[in-house]
PDB file of N, CA and C in Angstrom:
ATOM      1  N   MET A   1    -191.777 186.940  79.282  1.00  0.00           N
ATOM      2  CA  MET A   1    -192.643 187.650  78.354  1.00  0.00           C
ATOM      3  C   MET A   1    -193.636 188.478  79.168  1.00  0.00           C
ATOM      4  N   ALA A   2    -193.736 189.729  78.843  1.00  0.00           N
ATOM      5  CA  ALA A   2    -194.607 190.646  79.564  1.00  0.00           C
ATOM      6  C   ALA A   2    -196.068 190.403  79.178  1.00  0.00           C
ATOM      7  N   THR A   3    -196.935 190.625  80.132  1.00  0.00           N
ATOM      8  CA  THR A   3    -198.363 190.491  79.897  1.00  0.00           C
ATOM      9  C   THR A   3    -198.904 191.837  79.429  1.00  0.00           C
ATOM     10  N   SER A   4    -199.623 191.841  78.315  1.00  0.00           N
ATOM     11  CA  SER A   4    -200.157 193.098  77.788  1.00  0.00           C
ATOM     12  C   SER A   4    -201.316 193.585  78.650  1.00  0.00           C
ATOM     13  N   GLU A   5    -201.585 194.855  78.535  1.00  0.00           N
ATOM     14  CA  GLU A   5    -202.712 195.439  79.275  1.00  0.00           C
ATOM     15  C   GLU A   5    -204.028 194.795  78.844  1.00  0.00           C
ATOM     16  N   ALA A   6    -204.138 194.476  77.561  1.00  0.00           N
ATOM     17  CA  ALA A   6    -205.359 193.825  77.062  1.00  0.00           C
ATOM     18  C   ALA A   6    -205.542 192.454  77.696  1.00  0.00           C
ATOM     19  N   GLN A   7    -204.434 191.714  77.852  1.00  0.00           N
ATOM     20  CA  GLN A   7    -204.519 190.393  78.490  1.00  0.00           C
ATOM     21  C   GLN A   7    -204.906 190.523  79.953  1.00  0.00           C
ATOM     22  N   LYS A   8    -204.322 191.490  80.642  1.00  0.00           N
ATOM     23  CA  LYS A   8    -204.653 191.714  82.057  1.00  0.00           C
ATOM     24  C   LYS A   8    -206.128 192.066  82.217  1.00  0.00           C
ATOM     25  N   LYS A   9    -206.626 192.917  81.331  1.00  0.00           N
ATOM     26  CA  LYS A   9    -208.031 193.315  81.383  1.00  0.00           C
ATOM     27  C   LYS A   9    -208.943 192.128  81.096  1.00  0.00           C
ATOM     28  N   ALA A  10    -208.592 191.330  80.100  1.00  0.00           N
ATOM     29  CA  ALA A  10    -209.397 190.157  79.753  1.00  0.00           C
ATOM     30  C   ALA A  10    -209.432 189.164  80.914  1.00  0.00           C
ATOM     31  N   LYS A  11    -208.293 188.958  81.562  1.00  0.00           N
ATOM     32  CA  LYS A  11    -208.237 188.047  82.717  1.00  0.00           C
ATOM     33  C   LYS A  11    -209.117 188.556  83.852  1.00  0.00           C
ATOM     34  N   LYS A  12    -209.024 189.848  84.127  1.00  0.00           N
ATOM     35  CA  LYS A  12    -209.829 190.446  85.197  1.00  0.00           C
ATOM     36  C   LYS A  12    -211.320 190.312  84.887  1.00  0.00           C
ATOM     37  N   ASN A  13    -211.701 190.566  83.639  1.00  0.00           N
ATOM     38  CA  ASN A  13    -213.106 190.433  83.241  1.00  0.00           C
ATOM     39  C   ASN A  13    -213.583 188.988  83.356  1.00  0.00           C
ATOM     40  N   TYR A  14    -212.730 188.040  82.950  1.00  0.00           N
ATOM     41  CA  TYR A  14    -213.099 186.626  83.051  1.00  0.00           C
ATOM     42  C   TYR A  14    -213.293 186.225  84.515  1.00  0.00           C
ATOM     43  N   GLU A  15    -212.358 186.651  85.367  1.00  0.00           N
ATOM     44  CA  GLU A  15    -212.456 186.314  86.790  1.00  0.00           C
ATOM     45  C   GLU A  15    -213.705 186.926  87.419  1.00  0.00           C
ATOM     46  N   LYS A  16    -214.056 188.122  86.990  1.00  0.00           N
ATOM     47  CA  LYS A  16    -215.268 188.764  87.499  1.00  0.00           C
ATOM     48  C   LYS A  16    -216.520 188.015  87.052  1.00  0.00           C
ATOM     49  N   ALA A  17    -216.507 187.529  85.807  1.00  0.00           N
ATOM     50  CA  ALA A  17    -217.658 186.803  85.266  1.00  0.00           C
ATOM     51  C   ALA A  17    -217.722 185.356  85.749  1.00  0.00           C
ATOM     52  N   ASN A  18    -216.584 184.807  86.201  1.00  0.00           N
ATOM     53  CA  ASN A  18    -216.505 183.399  86.622  1.00  0.00           C
ATOM     54  C   ASN A  18    -215.793 183.283  87.970  1.00  0.00           C
ATOM     55  N   PRO A  19    -216.369 183.832  89.020  1.00  0.00           N
ATOM     56  CA  PRO A  19    -215.661 183.867  90.318  1.00  0.00           C
ATOM     57  C   PRO A  19    -215.370 182.493  90.906  1.00  0.00           C
ATOM     58  N   GLU A  20    -216.250 181.521  90.683  1.00  0.00           N
ATOM     59  CA  GLU A  20    -216.011 180.189  91.237  1.00  0.00           C
ATOM     60  C   GLU A  20    -214.786 179.544  90.606  1.00  0.00           C
ATOM     61  N   LYS A  21    -214.697 179.625  89.286  1.00  0.00           N
ATOM     62  CA  LYS A  21    -213.545 179.053  88.592  1.00  0.00           C
ATOM     63  C   LYS A  21    -212.264 179.794  88.968  1.00  0.00           C
ATOM     64  N   ALA A  22    -212.343 181.116  89.063  1.00  0.00           N
ATOM     65  CA  ALA A  22    -211.165 181.912  89.417  1.00  0.00           C
ATOM     66  C   ALA A  22    -210.676 181.541  90.818  1.00  0.00           C
ATOM     67  N   TYR A  23    -211.599 181.350  91.746  1.00  0.00           N
ATOM     68  CA  TYR A  23    -211.241 180.949  93.106  1.00  0.00           C
ATOM     69  C   TYR A  23    -210.593 179.564  93.105  1.00  0.00           C
ATOM     70  N   TYR A  24    -211.199 178.647  92.383  1.00  0.00           N
ATOM     71  CA  TYR A  24    -210.676 177.285  92.286  1.00  0.00           C
ATOM     72  C   TYR A  24    -209.260 177.289  91.728  1.00  0.00           C
ATOM     73  N   TRP A  25    -209.034 178.005  90.634  1.00  0.00           N
ATOM     74  CA  TRP A  25    -207.711 178.046  90.005  1.00  0.00           C
ATOM     75  C   TRP A  25    -206.678 178.697  90.917  1.00  0.00           C
ATOM     76  N   LYS A  26    -207.103 179.720  91.663  1.00  0.00           N
ATOM     77  CA  LYS A  26    -206.173 180.387  92.576  1.00  0.00           C
ATOM     78  C   LYS A  26    -205.721 179.418  93.661  1.00  0.00           C
ATOM     79  N   ARG A  27    -206.667 178.720  94.248  1.00  0.00           N
ATOM     80  CA  ARG A  27    -206.322 177.772  95.312  1.00  0.00           C
ATOM     81  C   ARG A  27    -205.469 176.631  94.772  1.00  0.00           C
ATOM     82  N   LYS A  28    -205.762 176.146  93.597  1.00  0.00           N
ATOM     83  CA  LYS A  28    -204.970 175.085  92.975  1.00  0.00           C
ATOM     84  C   LYS A  28    -203.542 175.568  92.742  1.00  0.00           C
ATOM     85  N   SER A  29    -203.403 176.769  92.285  1.00  0.00           N
ATOM     86  CA  SER A  29    -202.082 177.340  92.045  1.00  0.00           C
ATOM     87  C   SER A  29    -201.290 177.489  93.339  1.00  0.00           C
ATOM     88  N   GLU A  30    -201.964 177.909  94.408  1.00  0.00           N
ATOM     89  CA  GLU A  30    -201.297 178.044  95.707  1.00  0.00           C
ATOM     90  C   GLU A  30    -200.781 176.695  96.193  1.00  0.00           C
ATOM     91  N   ALA A  31    -201.605 175.673  96.068  1.00  0.00           N
ATOM     92  CA  ALA A  31    -201.186 174.332  96.495  1.00  0.00           C
ATOM     93  C   ALA A  31    -200.025 173.840  95.645  1.00  0.00           C
ATOM     94  N   GLY A  32    -200.131 174.031  94.357  1.00  0.00           N
ATOM     95  CA  GLY A  32    -199.059 173.605  93.457  1.00  0.00           C
ATOM     96  C   GLY A  32    -197.757 174.324  93.734  1.00  0.00           C
ATOM     97  N   GLY A  33    -197.848 175.597  94.081  1.00  0.00           N
ATOM     98  CA  GLY A  33    -196.658 176.373  94.392  1.00  0.00           C
ATOM     99  C   GLY A  33    -195.957 175.899  95.650  1.00  0.00           C
ATOM    100  N   PHE A  34    -196.708 175.342  96.582  1.00  0.00           N
ATOM    101  CA  PHE A  34    -196.093 174.787  97.784  1.00  0.00           C
ATOM    102  C   PHE A  34    -195.501 173.408  97.497  1.00  0.00           C
ATOM    103  N   ILE A  35    -196.237 172.602  96.765  1.00  0.00           N
ATOM    104  CA  ILE A  35    -195.795 171.235  96.490  1.00  0.00           C
ATOM    105  C   ILE A  35    -194.576 171.219  95.571  1.00  0.00           C
ATOM    106  N   ASN A  36    -194.581 172.057  94.572  1.00  0.00           N
ATOM    107  CA  ASN A  36    -193.500 172.059  93.591  1.00  0.00           C
ATOM    108  C   ASN A  36    -193.048 173.502  93.324  1.00  0.00           C
ATOM    109  N   PRO A  37    -192.344 174.114  94.271  1.00  0.00           N
ATOM    110  CA  PRO A  37    -191.939 175.510  94.089  1.00  0.00           C
ATOM    111  C   PRO A  37    -190.911 175.664  92.978  1.00  0.00           C
ATOM    112  N   SER A  38    -191.020 176.726  92.229  1.00  0.00           N
ATOM    113  CA  SER A  38    -190.043 176.959  91.159  1.00  0.00           C
ATOM    114  C   SER A  38    -188.740 177.494  91.750  1.00  0.00           C
ATOM    115  N   PRO A  39    -187.641 177.243  91.085  1.00  0.00           N
ATOM    116  CA  PRO A  39    -186.323 177.590  91.632  1.00  0.00           C
ATOM    117  C   PRO A  39    -186.121 179.062  91.977  1.00  0.00           C
ATOM    118  N   GLN A  40    -186.857 179.965  91.368  1.00  0.00           N
ATOM    119  CA  GLN A  40    -186.664 181.377  91.668  1.00  0.00           C
ATOM    120  C   GLN A  40    -187.460 181.865  92.880  1.00  0.00           C
ATOM    121  N   THR A  41    -188.247 180.993  93.502  1.00  0.00           N
ATOM    122  CA  THR A  41    -189.058 181.420  94.636  1.00  0.00           C
ATOM    123  C   THR A  41    -188.284 181.369  95.945  1.00  0.00           C
ATOM    124  N   ARG A  42    -188.758 182.151  96.870  1.00  0.00           N
ATOM    125  CA  ARG A  42    -188.153 182.183  98.207  1.00  0.00           C
ATOM    126  C   ARG A  42    -188.275 180.820  98.889  1.00  0.00           C
ATOM    127  N   LEU A  43    -189.430 180.175  98.746  1.00  0.00           N
ATOM    128  CA  LEU A  43    -189.641 178.868  99.362  1.00  0.00           C
ATOM    129  C   LEU A  43    -188.611 177.865  98.880  1.00  0.00           C
ATOM    130  N   TYR A  44    -188.397 177.806  97.586  1.00  0.00           N
ATOM    131  CA  TYR A  44    -187.420 176.874  97.015  1.00  0.00           C
ATOM    132  C   TYR A  44    -186.034 177.119  97.611  1.00  0.00           C
ATOM    133  N   LYS A  45    -185.651 178.374  97.669  1.00  0.00           N
ATOM    134  CA  LYS A  45    -184.331 178.728  98.192  1.00  0.00           C
ATOM    135  C   LYS A  45    -184.200 178.354  99.667  1.00  0.00           C
ATOM    136  N   LEU A  46    -185.266 178.550 100.439  1.00  0.00           N
ATOM    137  CA  LEU A  46    -185.240 178.163 101.850  1.00  0.00           C
ATOM    138  C   LEU A  46    -185.102 176.653 102.016  1.00  0.00           C
ATOM    139  N   ILE A  47    -185.849 175.910 101.221  1.00  0.00           N
ATOM    140  CA  ILE A  47    -185.791 174.449 101.290  1.00  0.00           C
ATOM    141  C   ILE A  47    -184.382 173.955 100.957  1.00  0.00           C
ATOM    142  N   GLN A  48    -183.755 174.588  99.988  1.00  0.00           N
ATOM    143  CA  GLN A  48    -182.415 174.180  99.577  1.00  0.00           C
ATOM    144  C   GLN A  48    -181.341 174.550 100.595  1.00  0.00           C
ATOM    145  N   SER A  49    -181.524 175.658 101.307  1.00  0.00           N
ATOM    146  CA  SER A  49    -180.440 176.188 102.136  1.00  0.00           C
ATOM    147  C   SER A  49    -180.586 175.934 103.631  1.00  0.00           C
ATOM    148  N   ASN A  50    -181.772 175.546 104.082  1.00  0.00           N
ATOM    149  CA  ASN A  50    -182.002 175.427 105.516  1.00  0.00           C
ATOM    150  C   ASN A  50    -182.481 174.010 105.847  1.00  0.00           C
ATOM    151  N   MET A  51    -181.645 173.246 106.539  1.00  0.00           N
ATOM    152  CA  MET A  51    -181.958 171.844 106.827  1.00  0.00           C
ATOM    153  C   MET A  51    -183.217 171.701 107.691  1.00  0.00           C
ATOM    154  N   ASP A  52    -183.421 172.589 108.662  1.00  0.00           N
ATOM    155  CA  ASP A  52    -184.616 172.508 109.501  1.00  0.00           C
ATOM    156  C   ASP A  52    -185.886 172.702 108.674  1.00  0.00           C
ATOM    157  N   ILE A  53    -185.854 173.689 107.797  1.00  0.00           N
ATOM    158  CA  ILE A  53    -187.019 173.934 106.944  1.00  0.00           C
ATOM    159  C   ILE A  53    -187.207 172.771 105.973  1.00  0.00           C
ATOM    160  N   ARG A  54    -186.123 172.242 105.453  1.00  0.00           N
ATOM    161  CA  ARG A  54    -186.227 171.098 104.526  1.00  0.00           C
ATOM    162  C   ARG A  54    -186.889 169.912 105.212  1.00  0.00           C
ATOM    163  N   GLU A  55    -186.486 169.628 106.455  1.00  0.00           N
ATOM    164  CA  GLU A  55    -187.093 168.508 107.191  1.00  0.00           C
ATOM    165  C   GLU A  55    -188.572 168.765 107.452  1.00  0.00           C
ATOM    166  N   SER A  56    -188.922 169.994 107.815  1.00  0.00           N
ATOM    167  CA  SER A  56    -190.331 170.339 108.024  1.00  0.00           C
ATOM    168  C   SER A  56    -191.111 170.219 106.720  1.00  0.00           C
ATOM    169  N   TYR A  57    -190.496 170.667 105.638  1.00  0.00           N
ATOM    170  CA  TYR A  57    -191.133 170.611 104.326  1.00  0.00           C
ATOM    171  C   TYR A  57    -191.432 169.163 103.932  1.00  0.00           C
ATOM    172  N   ILE A  58    -190.464 168.290 104.114  1.00  0.00           N
ATOM    173  CA  ILE A  58    -190.660 166.875 103.792  1.00  0.00           C
ATOM    174  C   ILE A  58    -191.775 166.281 104.643  1.00  0.00           C
ATOM    175  N   SER A  59    -191.777 166.604 105.920  1.00  0.00           N
ATOM    176  CA  SER A  59    -192.827 166.123 106.824  1.00  0.00           C
ATOM    177  C   SER A  59    -194.200 166.637 106.381  1.00  0.00           C
ATOM    178  N   ASP A  60    -194.271 167.904 106.015  1.00  0.00           N
ATOM    179  CA  ASP A  60    -195.545 168.479 105.559  1.00  0.00           C
ATOM    180  C   ASP A  60    -196.021 167.814 104.279  1.00  0.00           C
ATOM    181  N   LEU A  61    -195.112 167.543 103.343  1.00  0.00           N
ATOM    182  CA  LEU A  61    -195.500 166.859 102.109  1.00  0.00           C
ATOM    183  C   LEU A  61    -196.064 165.464 102.411  1.00  0.00           C
ATOM    184  N   LYS A  62    -195.456 164.773 103.356  1.00  0.00           N
ATOM    185  CA  LYS A  62    -195.956 163.442 103.736  1.00  0.00           C
ATOM    186  C   LYS A  62    -197.356 163.542 104.340  1.00  0.00           C
ATOM    187  N   GLU A  63    -197.579 164.573 105.171  1.00  0.00           N
ATOM    188  CA  GLU A  63    -198.912 164.774 105.750  1.00  0.00           C
ATOM    189  C   GLU A  63    -199.931 165.086 104.656  1.00  0.00           C
ATOM    190  N   PHE A  64    -199.534 165.917 103.693  1.00  0.00           N
ATOM    191  CA  PHE A  64    -200.428 166.229 102.578  1.00  0.00           C
ATOM    192  C   PHE A  64    -200.752 164.973 101.774  1.00  0.00           C
ATOM    193  N   LYS A  65    -199.768 164.115 101.576  1.00  0.00           N
ATOM    194  CA  LYS A  65    -200.008 162.880 100.825  1.00  0.00           C
ATOM    195  C   LYS A  65    -201.047 162.021 101.532  1.00  0.00           C
ATOM    196  N   ILE A  66    -200.939 161.902 102.831  1.00  0.00           N
ATOM    197  CA  ILE A  66    -201.921 161.129 103.600  1.00  0.00           C
ATOM    198  C   ILE A  66    -203.305 161.752 103.461  1.00  0.00           C
ATOM    199  N   ALA A  67    -203.361 163.079 103.601  1.00  0.00           N
ATOM    200  CA  ALA A  67    -204.653 163.773 103.483  1.00  0.00           C
ATOM    201  C   ALA A  67    -205.236 163.638 102.076  1.00  0.00           C
ATOM    202  N   LEU A  68    -204.379 163.704 101.061  1.00  0.00           N
ATOM    203  CA  LEU A  68    -204.856 163.547  99.681  1.00  0.00           C
ATOM    204  C   LEU A  68    -205.382 162.129  99.432  1.00  0.00           C
ATOM    205  N   ASP A  69    -204.659 161.145  99.910  1.00  0.00           N
ATOM    206  CA  ASP A  69    -205.121 159.752  99.738  1.00  0.00           C
ATOM    207  C   ASP A  69    -206.468 159.552 100.426  1.00  0.00           C
ATOM    208  N   LYS A  70    -206.610 160.100 101.618  1.00  0.00           N
ATOM    209  CA  LYS A  70    -207.878 159.993 102.344  1.00  0.00           C
ATOM    210  C   LYS A  70    -209.005 160.689 101.572  1.00  0.00           C
ATOM    211  N   ARG A  71    -208.722 161.882 101.075  1.00  0.00           N
ATOM    212  CA  ARG A  71    -209.729 162.637 100.342  1.00  0.00           C
ATOM    213  C   ARG A  71    -210.150 161.936  99.054  1.00  0.00           C
ATOM    214  N   LEU A  72    -209.191 161.343  98.366  1.00  0.00           N
ATOM    215  CA  LEU A  72    -209.527 160.616  97.140  1.00  0.00           C
ATOM    216  C   LEU A  72    -210.432 159.431  97.432  1.00  0.00           C
ATOM    217  N   LYS A  73    -210.218 158.757  98.546  1.00  0.00           N
ATOM    218  CA  LYS A  73    -211.092 157.642  98.920  1.00  0.00           C
ATOM    219  C   LYS A  73    -212.490 158.129  99.226  1.00  0.00           C
ATOM    220  N   GLU A  74    -212.593 159.323  99.859  1.00  0.00           N
ATOM    221  CA  GLU A  74    -213.909 159.884 100.184  1.00  0.00           C
ATOM    222  C   GLU A  74    -214.694 160.236  98.930  1.00  0.00           C
ATOM    223  N   LEU A  75    -213.988 160.690  97.913  1.00  0.00           N
ATOM    224  CA  LEU A  75    -214.680 161.093  96.687  1.00  0.00           C
ATOM    225  C   LEU A  75    -215.023 159.892  95.837  1.00  0.00           C
TER     226      LEU A  75
END
């Protein structure tokens, strides 16, 4: 579904009025895109087709899990 010009303008205005929230959501989206890439993304295709990248990806996810567990304890 295409995004209308009015929706794009409203989003831009909201982000301008709420830069902290916009920054937070952007970073959250970036992390989510790495952790759970959608099938149409380049990352997903690389993970599926390249064993070296898949092994690195699994290792990175494990490191993130350790870092997340540590961070949750700190909070």
